[in-house]
Amino acid sequence: MNSWWCLVGAGVSLVVVGRCAAHQRHPLRALLGAAICGLGTLALLALLEPLTGVALPLNRLTGFVAVVLGMPGVIALLLLQLLV
């Protein structure tokens, strides 16, 4: 039952991001730019972990959020980590 809600949430996220990108002048460029920025932010966090002590585990969830939602998604994951 738990994985069902994760898949529904992932599908809703994909639809929302796809609709937002469709309204851009270059939708594919917007999607790829957000994905690269998200993965870059996740990589930068991993590289700076020894200095800052801030870490996000690299798993399916963090990868999905970084690719689909970009940098705001990674920041949201960091905020969720602080709250929980």
PDB file of N, CA and C in Angstrom:
ATOM      1  N   MET A   1       0.821  -1.188   0.000  1.00  0.00           N
ATOM      2  CA  MET A   1       0.000   0.000   0.000  1.00  0.00           C
ATOM      3  C   MET A   1       0.867   1.255   0.000  1.00  0.00           C
ATOM      4  N   ASN A   2       1.990   1.236   0.719  1.00  0.00           N
ATOM      5  CA  ASN A   2       2.855   2.393   0.816  1.00  0.00           C
ATOM      6  C   ASN A   2       3.484   2.738  -0.530  1.00  0.00           C
ATOM      7  N   SER A   3       3.913   1.736  -1.290  1.00  0.00           N
ATOM      8  CA  SER A   3       4.529   2.012  -2.588  1.00  0.00           C
ATOM      9  C   SER A   3       3.513   2.571  -3.583  1.00  0.00           C
ATOM     10  N   TRP A   4       2.236   2.246  -3.409  1.00  0.00           N
ATOM     11  CA  TRP A   4       1.197   2.774  -4.280  1.00  0.00           C
ATOM     12  C   TRP A   4       1.153   4.296  -4.190  1.00  0.00           C
ATOM     13  N   TRP A   5       1.188   4.841  -2.983  1.00  0.00           N
ATOM     14  CA  TRP A   5       1.135   6.288  -2.812  1.00  0.00           C
ATOM     15  C   TRP A   5       2.403   6.957  -3.314  1.00  0.00           C
ATOM     16  N   CYS A   6       3.536   6.294  -3.209  1.00  0.00           N
ATOM     17  CA  CYS A   6       4.780   6.842  -3.752  1.00  0.00           C
ATOM     18  C   CYS A   6       4.703   6.951  -5.270  1.00  0.00           C
ATOM     19  N   LEU A   7       4.147   5.934  -5.909  1.00  0.00           N
ATOM     20  CA  LEU A   7       4.005   5.973  -7.365  1.00  0.00           C
ATOM     21  C   LEU A   7       3.011   7.041  -7.805  1.00  0.00           C
ATOM     22  N   VAL A   8       1.932   7.204  -7.065  1.00  0.00           N
ATOM     23  CA  VAL A   8       0.957   8.250  -7.384  1.00  0.00           C
ATOM     24  C   VAL A   8       1.597   9.626  -7.231  1.00  0.00           C
ATOM     25  N   GLY A   9       2.347   9.825  -6.152  1.00  0.00           N
ATOM     26  CA  GLY A   9       3.033  11.100  -5.945  1.00  0.00           C
ATOM     27  C   GLY A   9       4.060  11.376  -7.026  1.00  0.00           C
ATOM     28  N   ALA A  10       4.786  10.349  -7.443  1.00  0.00           N
ATOM     29  CA  ALA A  10       5.763  10.511  -8.520  1.00  0.00           C
ATOM     30  C   ALA A  10       5.074  10.861  -9.834  1.00  0.00           C
ATOM     31  N   GLY A  11       3.957  10.215 -10.108  1.00  0.00           N
ATOM     32  CA  GLY A  11       3.214  10.514 -11.339  1.00  0.00           C
ATOM     33  C   GLY A  11       2.665  11.926 -11.348  1.00  0.00           C
ATOM     34  N   VAL A  12       2.136  12.365 -10.222  1.00  0.00           N
ATOM     35  CA  VAL A  12       1.614  13.732 -10.129  1.00  0.00           C
ATOM     36  C   VAL A  12       2.753  14.736 -10.315  1.00  0.00           C
ATOM     37  N   SER A  13       3.910  14.460  -9.710  1.00  0.00           N
ATOM     38  CA  SER A  13       5.065  15.352  -9.871  1.00  0.00           C
ATOM     39  C   SER A  13       5.494  15.436 -11.328  1.00  0.00           C
ATOM     40  N   LEU A  14       5.532  14.310 -12.011  1.00  0.00           N
ATOM     41  CA  LEU A  14       5.909  14.306 -13.422  1.00  0.00           C
ATOM     42  C   LEU A  14       4.923  15.092 -14.276  1.00  0.00           C
ATOM     43  N   VAL A  15       3.634  14.957 -13.998  1.00  0.00           N
ATOM     44  CA  VAL A  15       2.625  15.686 -14.769  1.00  0.00           C
ATOM     45  C   VAL A  15       2.750  17.189 -14.533  1.00  0.00           C
ATOM     46  N   VAL A  16       2.924  17.595 -13.286  1.00  0.00           N
ATOM     47  CA  VAL A  16       3.030  19.025 -12.975  1.00  0.00           C
ATOM     48  C   VAL A  16       4.273  19.631 -13.609  1.00  0.00           C
ATOM     49  N   VAL A  17       5.411  18.959 -13.484  1.00  0.00           N
ATOM     50  CA  VAL A  17       6.646  19.465 -14.071  1.00  0.00           C
ATOM     51  C   VAL A  17       6.550  19.476 -15.600  1.00  0.00           C
ATOM     52  N   GLY A  18       5.934  18.459 -16.166  1.00  0.00           N
ATOM     53  CA  GLY A  18       5.750  18.417 -17.621  1.00  0.00           C
ATOM     54  C   GLY A  18       4.869  19.542 -18.137  1.00  0.00           C
ATOM     55  N   ARG A  19       3.807  19.842 -17.416  1.00  0.00           N
ATOM     56  CA  ARG A  19       2.922  20.945 -17.819  1.00  0.00           C
ATOM     57  C   ARG A  19       3.627  22.291 -17.704  1.00  0.00           C
ATOM     58  N   CYS A  20       4.407  22.461 -16.642  1.00  0.00           N
ATOM     59  CA  CYS A  20       5.148  23.717 -16.489  1.00  0.00           C
ATOM     60  C   CYS A  20       6.194  23.867 -17.597  1.00  0.00           C
ATOM     61  N   ALA A  21       6.870  22.783 -17.922  1.00  0.00           N
ATOM     62  CA  ALA A  21       7.880  22.839 -18.983  1.00  0.00           C
ATOM     63  C   ALA A  21       7.238  23.068 -20.346  1.00  0.00           C
ATOM     64  N   ALA A  22       6.030  22.583 -20.543  1.00  0.00           N
ATOM     65  CA  ALA A  22       5.353  22.748 -21.833  1.00  0.00           C
ATOM     66  C   ALA A  22       5.038  24.212 -22.113  1.00  0.00           C
ATOM     67  N   HIS A  23       4.927  25.021 -21.075  1.00  0.00           N
ATOM     68  CA  HIS A  23       4.630  26.439 -21.255  1.00  0.00           C
ATOM     69  C   HIS A  23       5.883  27.276 -21.504  1.00  0.00           C
ATOM     70  N   GLN A  24       7.052  26.656 -21.474  1.00  0.00           N
ATOM     71  CA  GLN A  24       8.305  27.364 -21.741  1.00  0.00           C
ATOM     72  C   GLN A  24       8.537  27.464 -23.244  1.00  0.00           C
ATOM     73  N   ARG A  25       9.420  28.352 -23.620  1.00  0.00           N
ATOM     74  CA  ARG A  25       9.724  28.515 -25.043  1.00  0.00           C
ATOM     75  C   ARG A  25      10.440  27.278 -25.594  1.00  0.00           C
ATOM     76  N   HIS A  26      11.359  26.722 -24.799  1.00  0.00           N
ATOM     77  CA  HIS A  26      12.085  25.502 -25.173  1.00  0.00           C
ATOM     78  C   HIS A  26      11.877  24.480 -24.061  1.00  0.00           C
ATOM     79  N   PRO A  27      10.833  23.659 -24.147  1.00  0.00           N
ATOM     80  CA  PRO A  27      10.495  22.765 -23.032  1.00  0.00           C
ATOM     81  C   PRO A  27      11.565  21.721 -22.720  1.00  0.00           C
ATOM     82  N   LEU A  28      12.175  21.137 -23.732  1.00  0.00           N
ATOM     83  CA  LEU A  28      13.185  20.115 -23.477  1.00  0.00           C
ATOM     84  C   LEU A  28      14.410  20.714 -22.807  1.00  0.00           C
ATOM     85  N   ARG A  29      14.790  21.894 -23.247  1.00  0.00           N
ATOM     86  CA  ARG A  29      15.919  22.579 -22.637  1.00  0.00           C
ATOM     87  C   ARG A  29      15.631  22.914 -21.174  1.00  0.00           C
ATOM     88  N   ALA A  30      14.406  23.306 -20.883  1.00  0.00           N
ATOM     89  CA  ALA A  30      14.030  23.618 -19.501  1.00  0.00           C
ATOM     90  C   ALA A  30      14.093  22.372 -18.622  1.00  0.00           C
ATOM     91  N   LEU A  31      13.598  21.249 -19.127  1.00  0.00           N
ATOM     92  CA  LEU A  31      13.635  20.006 -18.353  1.00  0.00           C
ATOM     93  C   LEU A  31      15.067  19.530 -18.121  1.00  0.00           C
ATOM     94  N   LEU A  32      15.886  19.573 -19.166  1.00  0.00           N
ATOM     95  CA  LEU A  32      17.270  19.127 -19.024  1.00  0.00           C
ATOM     96  C   LEU A  32      18.069  20.057 -18.113  1.00  0.00           C
ATOM     97  N   GLY A  33      17.814  21.350 -18.202  1.00  0.00           N
ATOM     98  CA  GLY A  33      18.503  22.300 -17.337  1.00  0.00           C
ATOM     99  C   GLY A  33      18.172  22.071 -15.871  1.00  0.00           C
ATOM    100  N   ALA A  34      16.902  21.830 -15.586  1.00  0.00           N
ATOM    101  CA  ALA A  34      16.499  21.570 -14.201  1.00  0.00           C
ATOM    102  C   ALA A  34      17.103  20.256 -13.696  1.00  0.00           C
ATOM    103  N   ALA A  35      17.136  19.239 -14.550  1.00  0.00           N
ATOM    104  CA  ALA A  35      17.703  17.949 -14.146  1.00  0.00           C
ATOM    105  C   ALA A  35      19.197  18.075 -13.870  1.00  0.00           C
ATOM    106  N   ILE A  36      19.909  18.789 -14.718  1.00  0.00           N
ATOM    107  CA  ILE A  36      21.350  18.950 -14.530  1.00  0.00           C
ATOM    108  C   ILE A  36      21.642  19.762 -13.268  1.00  0.00           C
ATOM    109  N   CYS A  37      20.869  20.813 -13.040  1.00  0.00           N
ATOM    110  CA  CYS A  37      21.062  21.613 -11.819  1.00  0.00           C
ATOM    111  C   CYS A  37      20.764  20.788 -10.568  1.00  0.00           C
ATOM    112  N   GLY A  38      19.736  19.974 -10.604  1.00  0.00           N
ATOM    113  CA  GLY A  38      19.406  19.135  -9.455  1.00  0.00           C
ATOM    114  C   GLY A  38      20.475  18.103  -9.168  1.00  0.00           C
ATOM    115  N   LEU A  39      20.946  17.432 -10.203  1.00  0.00           N
ATOM    116  CA  LEU A  39      22.001  16.436 -10.004  1.00  0.00           C
ATOM    117  C   LEU A  39      23.306  17.090  -9.587  1.00  0.00           C
ATOM    118  N   GLY A  40      23.577  18.277 -10.129  1.00  0.00           N
ATOM    119  CA  GLY A  40      24.778  19.007  -9.720  1.00  0.00           C
ATOM    120  C   GLY A  40      24.729  19.411  -8.260  1.00  0.00           C
ATOM    121  N   THR A  41      23.568  19.843  -7.804  1.00  0.00           N
ATOM    122  CA  THR A  41      23.405  20.203  -6.404  1.00  0.00           C
ATOM    123  C   THR A  41      23.588  18.986  -5.507  1.00  0.00           C
ATOM    124  N   LEU A  42      23.031  17.859  -5.911  1.00  0.00           N
ATOM    125  CA  LEU A  42      23.179  16.624  -5.137  1.00  0.00           C
ATOM    126  C   LEU A  42      24.646  16.186  -5.093  1.00  0.00           C
ATOM    127  N   ALA A  43      25.359  16.304  -6.219  1.00  0.00           N
ATOM    128  CA  ALA A  43      26.780  15.949  -6.257  1.00  0.00           C
ATOM    129  C   ALA A  43      27.610  16.903  -5.400  1.00  0.00           C
ATOM    130  N   LEU A  44      27.271  18.191  -5.447  1.00  0.00           N
ATOM    131  CA  LEU A  44      27.992  19.166  -4.642  1.00  0.00           C
ATOM    132  C   LEU A  44      27.805  18.901  -3.149  1.00  0.00           C
ATOM    133  N   LEU A  45      26.595  18.518  -2.767  1.00  0.00           N
ATOM    134  CA  LEU A  45      26.351  18.152  -1.367  1.00  0.00           C
ATOM    135  C   LEU A  45      27.191  16.950  -0.964  1.00  0.00           C
ATOM    136  N   ALA A  46      27.297  15.970  -1.844  1.00  0.00           N
ATOM    137  CA  ALA A  46      28.084  14.775  -1.536  1.00  0.00           C
ATOM    138  C   ALA A  46      29.572  15.116  -1.423  1.00  0.00           C
ATOM    139  N   LEU A  47      30.053  16.020  -2.275  1.00  0.00           N
ATOM    140  CA  LEU A  47      31.466  16.394  -2.228  1.00  0.00           C
ATOM    141  C   LEU A  47      31.809  17.224  -0.990  1.00  0.00           C
ATOM    142  N   LEU A  48      30.880  18.064  -0.570  1.00  0.00           N
ATOM    143  CA  LEU A  48      31.133  18.940   0.569  1.00  0.00           C
ATOM    144  C   LEU A  48      30.708  18.339   1.909  1.00  0.00           C
ATOM    145  N   GLU A  49      30.243  17.105   1.892  1.00  0.00           N
ATOM    146  CA  GLU A  49      29.795  16.458   3.129  1.00  0.00           C
ATOM    147  C   GLU A  49      30.877  16.417   4.212  1.00  0.00           C
ATOM    148  N   PRO A  50      32.140  16.105   3.905  1.00  0.00           N
ATOM    149  CA  PRO A  50      33.147  16.093   4.981  1.00  0.00           C
ATOM    150  C   PRO A  50      33.356  17.467   5.627  1.00  0.00           C
ATOM    151  N   LEU A  51      33.146  18.522   4.874  1.00  0.00           N
ATOM    152  CA  LEU A  51      33.358  19.867   5.413  1.00  0.00           C
ATOM    153  C   LEU A  51      32.136  20.395   6.160  1.00  0.00           C
ATOM    154  N   THR A  52      30.951  20.115   5.625  1.00  0.00           N
ATOM    155  CA  THR A  52      29.736  20.695   6.194  1.00  0.00           C
ATOM    156  C   THR A  52      29.012  19.767   7.153  1.00  0.00           C
ATOM    157  N   GLY A  53      29.149  18.477   6.966  1.00  0.00           N
ATOM    158  CA  GLY A  53      28.421  17.522   7.796  1.00  0.00           C
ATOM    159  C   GLY A  53      26.985  17.311   7.337  1.00  0.00           C
ATOM    160  N   VAL A  54      26.589  17.963   6.255  1.00  0.00           N
ATOM    161  CA  VAL A  54      25.237  17.828   5.709  1.00  0.00           C
ATOM    162  C   VAL A  54      25.280  16.757   4.628  1.00  0.00           C
ATOM    163  N   ALA A  55      24.402  15.755   4.762  1.00  0.00           N
ATOM    164  CA  ALA A  55      24.417  14.650   3.808  1.00  0.00           C
ATOM    165  C   ALA A  55      23.001  14.248   3.429  1.00  0.00           C
ATOM    166  N   LEU A  56      22.837  13.912   2.181  1.00  0.00           N
ATOM    167  CA  LEU A  56      21.607  13.291   1.695  1.00  0.00           C
ATOM    168  C   LEU A  56      21.987  11.929   1.134  1.00  0.00           C
ATOM    169  N   PRO A  57      21.294  10.885   1.545  1.00  0.00           N
ATOM    170  CA  PRO A  57      21.622   9.569   0.989  1.00  0.00           C
ATOM    171  C   PRO A  57      21.247   9.507  -0.489  1.00  0.00           C
ATOM    172  N   LEU A  58      22.074   8.860  -1.271  1.00  0.00           N
ATOM    173  CA  LEU A  58      21.776   8.701  -2.690  1.00  0.00           C
ATOM    174  C   LEU A  58      20.976   7.414  -2.867  1.00  0.00           C
ATOM    175  N   ASN A  59      19.696   7.570  -3.121  1.00  0.00           N
ATOM    176  CA  ASN A  59      18.811   6.439  -3.365  1.00  0.00           C
ATOM    177  C   ASN A  59      17.813   6.828  -4.451  1.00  0.00           C
ATOM    178  N   ARG A  60      16.826   6.006  -4.681  1.00  0.00           N
ATOM    179  CA  ARG A  60      15.869   6.278  -5.755  1.00  0.00           C
ATOM    180  C   ARG A  60      15.082   7.556  -5.520  1.00  0.00           C
ATOM    181  N   LEU A  61      14.704   7.805  -4.283  1.00  0.00           N
ATOM    182  CA  LEU A  61      13.910   8.989  -3.975  1.00  0.00           C
ATOM    183  C   LEU A  61      14.695  10.271  -4.218  1.00  0.00           C
ATOM    184  N   THR A  62      15.907  10.355  -3.679  1.00  0.00           N
ATOM    185  CA  THR A  62      16.683  11.579  -3.849  1.00  0.00           C
ATOM    186  C   THR A  62      17.072  11.794  -5.317  1.00  0.00           C
ATOM    187  N   GLY A  63      17.378  10.719  -6.013  1.00  0.00           N
ATOM    188  CA  GLY A  63      17.679  10.837  -7.438  1.00  0.00           C
ATOM    189  C   GLY A  63      16.484  11.316  -8.239  1.00  0.00           C
ATOM    190  N   PHE A  64      15.317  10.759  -7.951  1.00  0.00           N
ATOM    191  CA  PHE A  64      14.096  11.169  -8.648  1.00  0.00           C
ATOM    192  C   PHE A  64      13.777  12.634  -8.386  1.00  0.00           C
ATOM    193  N   VAL A  65      13.861  13.024  -7.117  1.00  0.00           N
ATOM    194  CA  VAL A  65      13.553  14.417  -6.765  1.00  0.00           C
ATOM    195  C   VAL A  65      14.559  15.363  -7.410  1.00  0.00           C
ATOM    196  N   ALA A  66      15.833  14.997  -7.419  1.00  0.00           N
ATOM    197  CA  ALA A  66      16.858  15.851  -8.016  1.00  0.00           C
ATOM    198  C   ALA A  66      16.654  16.005  -9.516  1.00  0.00           C
ATOM    199  N   VAL A  67      16.294  14.931 -10.205  1.00  0.00           N
ATOM    200  CA  VAL A  67      16.119  14.993 -11.652  1.00  0.00           C
ATOM    201  C   VAL A  67      14.811  15.678 -12.036  1.00  0.00           C
ATOM    202  N   VAL A  68      13.732  15.360 -11.357  1.00  0.00           N
ATOM    203  CA  VAL A  68      12.427  15.887 -11.752  1.00  0.00           C
ATOM    204  C   VAL A  68      12.212  17.310 -11.248  1.00  0.00           C
ATOM    205  N   LEU A  69      12.516  17.561  -9.988  1.00  0.00           N
ATOM    206  CA  LEU A  69      12.223  18.870  -9.403  1.00  0.00           C
ATOM    207  C   LEU A  69      13.411  19.819  -9.416  1.00  0.00           C
ATOM    208  N   GLY A  70      14.602  19.307  -9.667  1.00  0.00           N
ATOM    209  CA  GLY A  70      15.775  20.165  -9.761  1.00  0.00           C
ATOM    210  C   GLY A  70      16.272  20.636  -8.416  1.00  0.00           C
ATOM    211  N   MET A  71      16.910  21.809  -8.434  1.00  0.00           N
ATOM    212  CA  MET A  71      17.496  22.355  -7.220  1.00  0.00           C
ATOM    213  C   MET A  71      16.467  22.647  -6.119  1.00  0.00           C
ATOM    214  N   PRO A  72      15.288  23.161  -6.433  1.00  0.00           N
ATOM    215  CA  PRO A  72      14.296  23.343  -5.365  1.00  0.00           C
ATOM    216  C   PRO A  72      13.894  22.028  -4.689  1.00  0.00           C
ATOM    217  N   GLY A  73      13.888  20.943  -5.440  1.00  0.00           N
ATOM    218  CA  GLY A  73      13.583  19.647  -4.854  1.00  0.00           C
ATOM    219  C   GLY A  73      14.648  19.183  -3.884  1.00  0.00           C
ATOM    220  N   VAL A  74      15.918  19.424  -4.218  1.00  0.00           N
ATOM    221  CA  VAL A  74      17.009  19.043  -3.326  1.00  0.00           C
ATOM    222  C   VAL A  74      16.961  19.889  -2.060  1.00  0.00           C
ATOM    223  N   ILE A  75      16.667  21.169  -2.207  1.00  0.00           N
ATOM    224  CA  ILE A  75      16.532  22.039  -1.037  1.00  0.00           C
ATOM    225  C   ILE A  75      15.365  21.579  -0.167  1.00  0.00           C
ATOM    226  N   ALA A  76      14.271  21.168  -0.796  1.00  0.00           N
ATOM    227  CA  ALA A  76      13.131  20.656  -0.034  1.00  0.00           C
ATOM    228  C   ALA A  76      13.504  19.383   0.719  1.00  0.00           C
ATOM    229  N   LEU A  77      14.303  18.518   0.104  1.00  0.00           N
ATOM    230  CA  LEU A  77      14.760  17.312   0.806  1.00  0.00           C
ATOM    231  C   LEU A  77      15.619  17.668   2.018  1.00  0.00           C
ATOM    232  N   LEU A  78      16.470  18.674   1.879  1.00  0.00           N
ATOM    233  CA  LEU A  78      17.274  19.104   3.016  1.00  0.00           C
ATOM    234  C   LEU A  78      16.422  19.657   4.140  1.00  0.00           C
ATOM    235  N   LEU A  79      15.403  20.430   3.781  1.00  0.00           N
ATOM    236  CA  LEU A  79      14.494  20.966   4.801  1.00  0.00           C
ATOM    237  C   LEU A  79      13.689  19.863   5.465  1.00  0.00           C
ATOM    238  N   LEU A  80      13.255  18.886   4.688  1.00  0.00           N
ATOM    239  CA  LEU A  80      12.538  17.745   5.277  1.00  0.00           C
ATOM    240  C   LEU A  80      13.429  16.944   6.217  1.00  0.00           C
ATOM    241  N   GLN A  81      14.690  16.838   5.869  1.00  0.00           N
ATOM    242  CA  GLN A  81      15.641  16.117   6.719  1.00  0.00           C
ATOM    243  C   GLN A  81      15.808  16.856   8.051  1.00  0.00           C
ATOM    244  N   LEU A  82      15.792  18.175   8.015  1.00  0.00           N
ATOM    245  CA  LEU A  82      15.905  18.952   9.258  1.00  0.00           C
ATOM    246  C   LEU A  82      14.665  18.801  10.132  1.00  0.00           C
ATOM    247  N   LEU A  83      13.496  18.697   9.498  1.00  0.00           N
ATOM    248  CA  LEU A  83      12.260  18.617  10.236  1.00  0.00           C
ATOM    249  C   LEU A  83      12.004  17.241  10.843  1.00  0.00           C
ATOM    250  N   VAL A  84      12.459  16.209  10.185  1.00  0.00           N
ATOM    251  CA  VAL A  84      12.173  14.844  10.653  1.00  0.00           C
ATOM    252  C   VAL A  84      13.267  14.303  11.506  1.00  0.00           C
TER     253      VAL A  84
END
